[in-house]
C-alpha atoms as a PDB file:
ATOM      1  CA  UNK A   1      10.573 108.435  90.833  1.00  0.00           C
ATOM      2  CA  UNK A   2      11.009 112.576  90.291  1.00  0.00           C
ATOM      3  CA  UNK A   3      12.855 114.175  87.255  1.00  0.00           C
ATOM      4  CA  UNK A   4      16.112 115.772  88.202  1.00  0.00           C
ATOM      5  CA  UNK A   5      16.146 119.432  88.134  1.00  0.00           C
ATOM      6  CA  UNK A   6      16.404 122.657  89.856  1.00  0.00           C
ATOM      7  CA  UNK A   7      13.220 122.495  91.752  1.00  0.00           C
ATOM      8  CA  UNK A   8      12.683 121.199  95.133  1.00  0.00           C
ATOM      9  CA  UNK A   9      12.666 117.626  95.796  1.00  0.00           C
ATOM     10  CA  UNK A  10       9.659 115.743  97.455  1.00  0.00           C
ATOM     11  CA  UNK A  11      11.947 114.899 100.543  1.00  0.00           C
ATOM     12  CA  UNK A  12      12.490 118.515 101.188  1.00  0.00           C
ATOM     13  CA  UNK A  13       9.143 119.304 100.445  1.00  0.00           C
ATOM     14  CA  UNK A  14       7.708 116.336 102.813  1.00  0.00           C
ATOM     15  CA  UNK A  15      10.360 117.730 105.686  1.00  0.00           C
ATOM     16  CA  UNK A  16       9.242 121.335 105.283  1.00  0.00           C
ATOM     17  CA  UNK A  17       5.469 120.175 105.465  1.00  0.00           C
ATOM     18  CA  UNK A  18       5.971 117.876 108.260  1.00  0.00           C
ATOM     19  CA  UNK A  19       9.385 118.904 110.270  1.00  0.00           C
ATOM     20  CA  UNK A  20       8.410 116.826 113.376  1.00  0.00           C
ATOM     21  CA  UNK A  21       8.601 113.810 111.363  1.00  0.00           C
ATOM     22  CA  UNK A  22      11.867 114.285 109.582  1.00  0.00           C
ATOM     23  CA  UNK A  23      13.523 111.519 110.983  1.00  0.00           C
ATOM     24  CA  UNK A  24      10.849 109.043 109.685  1.00  0.00           C
ATOM     25  CA  UNK A  25      10.764 110.563 106.442  1.00  0.00           C
ATOM     26  CA  UNK A  26      14.563 110.291 105.719  1.00  0.00           C
ATOM     27  CA  UNK A  27      14.552 106.855 107.212  1.00  0.00           C
ATOM     28  CA  UNK A  28      11.690 105.733 104.642  1.00  0.00           C
ATOM     29  CA  UNK A  29      13.773 107.190 102.090  1.00  0.00           C
ATOM     30  CA  UNK A  30      16.978 105.752 103.053  1.00  0.00           C
ATOM     31  CA  UNK A  31      15.433 102.208 102.916  1.00  0.00           C
ATOM     32  CA  UNK A  32      14.135 102.814  99.485  1.00  0.00           C
ATOM     33  CA  UNK A  33      17.456 103.796  98.233  1.00  0.00           C
ATOM     34  CA  UNK A  34      18.983 100.735  99.865  1.00  0.00           C
ATOM     35  CA  UNK A  35      16.538  98.620  98.389  1.00  0.00           C
ATOM     36  CA  UNK A  36      17.333  99.905  94.956  1.00  0.00           C
ATOM     37  CA  UNK A  37      20.946  99.369  95.504  1.00  0.00           C
ATOM     38  CA  UNK A  38      20.230  95.874  96.581  1.00  0.00           C
ATOM     39  CA  UNK A  39      18.282  95.353  93.467  1.00  0.00           C
ATOM     40  CA  UNK A  40      21.008  96.869  91.387  1.00  0.00           C
ATOM     41  CA  UNK A  41      23.647  94.661  92.862  1.00  0.00           C
ATOM     42  CA  UNK A  42      21.739  91.749  92.525  1.00  0.00           C
ATOM     43  CA  UNK A  43      21.301  91.976  89.054  1.00  0.00           C
ATOM     44  CA  UNK A  44      24.991  92.730  88.075  1.00  0.00           C
ATOM     45  CA  UNK A  45      26.115  89.543  90.241  1.00  0.00           C
ATOM     46  CA  UNK A  46      23.568  87.746  88.319  1.00  0.00           C
ATOM     47  CA  UNK A  47      25.084  89.123  84.788  1.00  0.00           C
ATOM     48  CA  UNK A  48      28.540  88.929  86.042  1.00  0.00           C
ATOM     49  CA  UNK A  49      27.925  85.148  86.778  1.00  0.00           C
ATOM     50  CA  UNK A  50      26.721  84.821  83.341  1.00  0.00           C
ATOM     51  CA  UNK A  51      22.746  84.548  84.461  1.00  0.00           C
END
Protein backbone atom coordinates (compact mmCIF):
# COMPACT_ATOMS: atom_id res chain seq x y z
CA UNK A 1 0.00 0.00 0.00
CA UNK A 2 1.23 3.48 -0.80
CA UNK A 3 2.07 6.10 1.78
CA UNK A 4 -0.29 8.97 2.49
CA UNK A 5 0.87 12.34 1.27
CA UNK A 6 0.31 15.17 -1.16
CA UNK A 7 1.34 13.35 -4.34
CA UNK A 8 -1.04 11.68 -6.76
CA UNK A 9 -2.47 8.37 -5.63
CA UNK A 10 -2.08 5.20 -7.67
CA UNK A 11 -5.81 5.04 -8.32
CA UNK A 12 -5.82 8.49 -9.92
CA UNK A 13 -2.71 7.69 -11.94
CA UNK A 14 -4.26 4.48 -13.25
CA UNK A 15 -7.46 6.28 -14.25
CA UNK A 16 -5.46 8.99 -16.01
CA UNK A 17 -3.50 6.35 -17.90
CA UNK A 18 -6.52 4.20 -18.80
CA UNK A 19 -9.61 6.46 -18.69
CA UNK A 20 -11.60 3.93 -20.72
CA UNK A 21 -11.14 1.41 -17.88
CA UNK A 22 -12.07 3.77 -15.03
CA UNK A 23 -15.09 1.71 -13.95
CA UNK A 24 -13.06 -1.53 -13.72
CA UNK A 25 -10.20 0.23 -11.94
CA UNK A 26 -12.49 1.77 -9.33
CA UNK A 27 -14.47 -1.45 -8.87
CA UNK A 28 -11.27 -3.38 -8.29
CA UNK A 29 -10.13 -0.88 -5.68
CA UNK A 30 -13.51 -0.97 -3.95
CA UNK A 31 -13.29 -4.77 -3.78
CA UNK A 32 -9.85 -4.51 -2.18
CA UNK A 33 -11.20 -1.96 0.30
CA UNK A 34 -14.21 -4.14 1.10
CA UNK A 35 -12.00 -7.19 1.67
CA UNK A 36 -9.84 -5.20 4.09
CA UNK A 37 -12.88 -3.99 6.01
CA UNK A 38 -14.26 -7.54 6.25
CA UNK A 39 -10.92 -8.82 7.53
CA UNK A 40 -10.77 -6.09 10.16
CA UNK A 41 -14.34 -6.71 11.28
CA UNK A 42 -13.69 -10.43 11.59
CA UNK A 43 -10.68 -9.72 13.82
CA UNK A 44 -12.65 -7.27 15.94
CA UNK A 45 -15.45 -9.83 16.37
CA UNK A 46 -12.94 -12.53 17.32
CA UNK A 47 -11.35 -10.31 19.96
CA UNK A 48 -14.71 -9.09 21.28
CA UNK A 49 -15.83 -12.68 21.71
CA UNK A 50 -12.70 -13.50 23.67
CA UNK A 51 -10.74 -15.16 20.89
